[in-house]
């Protein structure tokens, strides 16, 4: 039997991006300049039209000085994140 993980909360992820950008007082143009991404890409992510690639989120995390794991933790809103394996 296959057990599927819960759906990620993509809405929470895009809202976290918007919150982090707003907390810094940055426009889309400012975040685009700092991340190397297109302004249109940022708008489409924040408005939920696209998810973006892992490379995109990596660039955003660096531009926002936010650890990628903290940014992606919002994907588990509404359910428990997976536990770390002992090792």
C-alpha atoms as a PDB file:
ATOM      1  CA  UNK A   1       0.000   0.000   0.000  1.00  0.00           C
ATOM      2  CA  UNK A   2       1.333   3.434  -0.951  1.00  0.00           C
ATOM      3  CA  UNK A   3       1.115   6.177   1.651  1.00  0.00           C
ATOM      4  CA  UNK A   4       1.144   9.650   0.167  1.00  0.00           C
ATOM      5  CA  UNK A   5       2.471  12.658   2.090  1.00  0.00           C
ATOM      6  CA  UNK A   6       0.083  15.517   2.895  1.00  0.00           C
ATOM      7  CA  UNK A   7      -0.268  18.239   0.279  1.00  0.00           C
ATOM      8  CA  UNK A   8       2.211  21.097   0.741  1.00  0.00           C
ATOM      9  CA  UNK A   9       0.732  24.459   1.711  1.00  0.00           C
ATOM     10  CA  UNK A  10       1.879  26.412  -1.327  1.00  0.00           C
ATOM     11  CA  UNK A  11      -0.363  29.318  -0.315  1.00  0.00           C
ATOM     12  CA  UNK A  12       1.570  29.677   2.950  1.00  0.00           C
ATOM     13  CA  UNK A  13       4.870  29.615   1.067  1.00  0.00           C
ATOM     14  CA  UNK A  14       3.886  32.415  -1.299  1.00  0.00           C
ATOM     15  CA  UNK A  15       2.457  34.455   1.587  1.00  0.00           C
ATOM     16  CA  UNK A  16       5.726  34.004   3.488  1.00  0.00           C
ATOM     17  CA  UNK A  17       7.611  35.349   0.493  1.00  0.00           C
ATOM     18  CA  UNK A  18       5.319  38.377   0.370  1.00  0.00           C
ATOM     19  CA  UNK A  19       5.699  38.881   4.131  1.00  0.00           C
ATOM     20  CA  UNK A  20       9.486  38.713   4.022  1.00  0.00           C
ATOM     21  CA  UNK A  21       9.647  41.122   1.090  1.00  0.00           C
ATOM     22  CA  UNK A  22       7.246  43.573   2.748  1.00  0.00           C
ATOM     23  CA  UNK A  23       9.061  43.355   6.109  1.00  0.00           C
ATOM     24  CA  UNK A  24      12.169  44.647   4.368  1.00  0.00           C
ATOM     25  CA  UNK A  25      10.225  47.374   2.589  1.00  0.00           C
ATOM     26  CA  UNK A  26      11.356  46.014  -0.770  1.00  0.00           C
ATOM     27  CA  UNK A  27       9.505  46.435  -4.025  1.00  0.00           C
ATOM     28  CA  UNK A  28       9.396  43.680  -6.604  1.00  0.00           C
ATOM     29  CA  UNK A  29      12.140  45.558  -8.441  1.00  0.00           C
ATOM     30  CA  UNK A  30      14.371  45.562  -5.350  1.00  0.00           C
ATOM     31  CA  UNK A  31      13.931  41.829  -4.739  1.00  0.00           C
ATOM     32  CA  UNK A  32      14.471  41.150  -8.437  1.00  0.00           C
ATOM     33  CA  UNK A  33      17.748  43.078  -8.369  1.00  0.00           C
ATOM     34  CA  UNK A  34      18.938  41.283  -5.225  1.00  0.00           C
ATOM     35  CA  UNK A  35      17.911  37.790  -6.377  1.00  0.00           C
ATOM     36  CA  UNK A  36      18.713  37.984 -10.090  1.00  0.00           C
ATOM     37  CA  UNK A  37      15.159  36.922 -10.903  1.00  0.00           C
ATOM     38  CA  UNK A  38      12.718  38.642 -13.210  1.00  0.00           C
ATOM     39  CA  UNK A  39      10.189  41.006 -11.628  1.00  0.00           C
ATOM     40  CA  UNK A  40       7.427  39.124 -13.504  1.00  0.00           C
ATOM     41  CA  UNK A  41       8.546  35.828 -11.901  1.00  0.00           C
ATOM     42  CA  UNK A  42       8.259  37.326  -8.418  1.00  0.00           C
ATOM     43  CA  UNK A  43       4.806  38.713  -9.110  1.00  0.00           C
ATOM     44  CA  UNK A  44       3.595  35.398 -10.519  1.00  0.00           C
ATOM     45  CA  UNK A  45       4.906  33.490  -7.489  1.00  0.00           C
ATOM     46  CA  UNK A  46       3.358  35.894  -4.971  1.00  0.00           C
ATOM     47  CA  UNK A  47       0.042  35.856  -6.844  1.00  0.00           C
ATOM     48  CA  UNK A  48      -0.011  32.055  -6.975  1.00  0.00           C
ATOM     49  CA  UNK A  49       0.225  31.754 -10.758  1.00  0.00           C
ATOM     50  CA  UNK A  50       3.417  29.687 -10.591  1.00  0.00           C
ATOM     51  CA  UNK A  51       5.377  27.823  -7.944  1.00  0.00           C
ATOM     52  CA  UNK A  52       8.899  28.538  -9.132  1.00  0.00           C
ATOM     53  CA  UNK A  53      11.799  26.125  -9.284  1.00  0.00           C
ATOM     54  CA  UNK A  54      14.094  25.029  -6.499  1.00  0.00           C
ATOM     55  CA  UNK A  55      16.758  27.259  -8.063  1.00  0.00           C
ATOM     56  CA  UNK A  56      14.326  30.190  -7.865  1.00  0.00           C
ATOM     57  CA  UNK A  57      13.625  29.588  -4.162  1.00  0.00           C
ATOM     58  CA  UNK A  58      17.330  29.152  -3.478  1.00  0.00           C
ATOM     59  CA  UNK A  59      17.979  32.589  -5.021  1.00  0.00           C
ATOM     60  CA  UNK A  60      15.124  34.101  -3.006  1.00  0.00           C
ATOM     61  CA  UNK A  61      16.371  32.615   0.259  1.00  0.00           C
ATOM     62  CA  UNK A  62      19.826  34.094  -0.343  1.00  0.00           C
ATOM     63  CA  UNK A  63      18.437  37.486  -1.348  1.00  0.00           C
ATOM     64  CA  UNK A  64      16.245  37.555   1.778  1.00  0.00           C
ATOM     65  CA  UNK A  65      19.001  36.164   4.058  1.00  0.00           C
ATOM     66  CA  UNK A  66      16.568  33.468   5.146  1.00  0.00           C
ATOM     67  CA  UNK A  67      17.605  29.811   5.530  1.00  0.00           C
ATOM     68  CA  UNK A  68      15.932  27.702   2.864  1.00  0.00           C
ATOM     69  CA  UNK A  69      14.700  25.182   5.440  1.00  0.00           C
ATOM     70  CA  UNK A  70      12.938  27.953   7.392  1.00  0.00           C
ATOM     71  CA  UNK A  71      11.336  29.283   4.231  1.00  0.00           C
ATOM     72  CA  UNK A  72      10.169  25.828   3.157  1.00  0.00           C
ATOM     73  CA  UNK A  73       8.904  24.977   6.667  1.00  0.00           C
ATOM     74  CA  UNK A  74       5.742  26.886   5.734  1.00  0.00           C
ATOM     75  CA  UNK A  75       4.920  24.069   3.297  1.00  0.00           C
ATOM     76  CA  UNK A  76       3.987  21.923   6.314  1.00  0.00           C
ATOM     77  CA  UNK A  77       1.395  24.348   7.713  1.00  0.00           C
ATOM     78  CA  UNK A  78      -1.604  22.273   8.746  1.00  0.00           C
ATOM     79  CA  UNK A  79       0.321  19.037   9.258  1.00  0.00           C
ATOM     80  CA  UNK A  80       3.354  17.774  11.081  1.00  0.00           C
ATOM     81  CA  UNK A  81       6.626  17.977   9.185  1.00  0.00           C
ATOM     82  CA  UNK A  82       8.484  14.722   8.638  1.00  0.00           C
ATOM     83  CA  UNK A  83      10.695  13.674  11.522  1.00  0.00           C
ATOM     84  CA  UNK A  84      14.423  13.611  11.099  1.00  0.00           C
ATOM     85  CA  UNK A  85      15.883  10.137  10.790  1.00  0.00           C
ATOM     86  CA  UNK A  86      18.315   9.061  13.480  1.00  0.00           C
ATOM     87  CA  UNK A  87      21.707   8.533  12.093  1.00  0.00           C
END
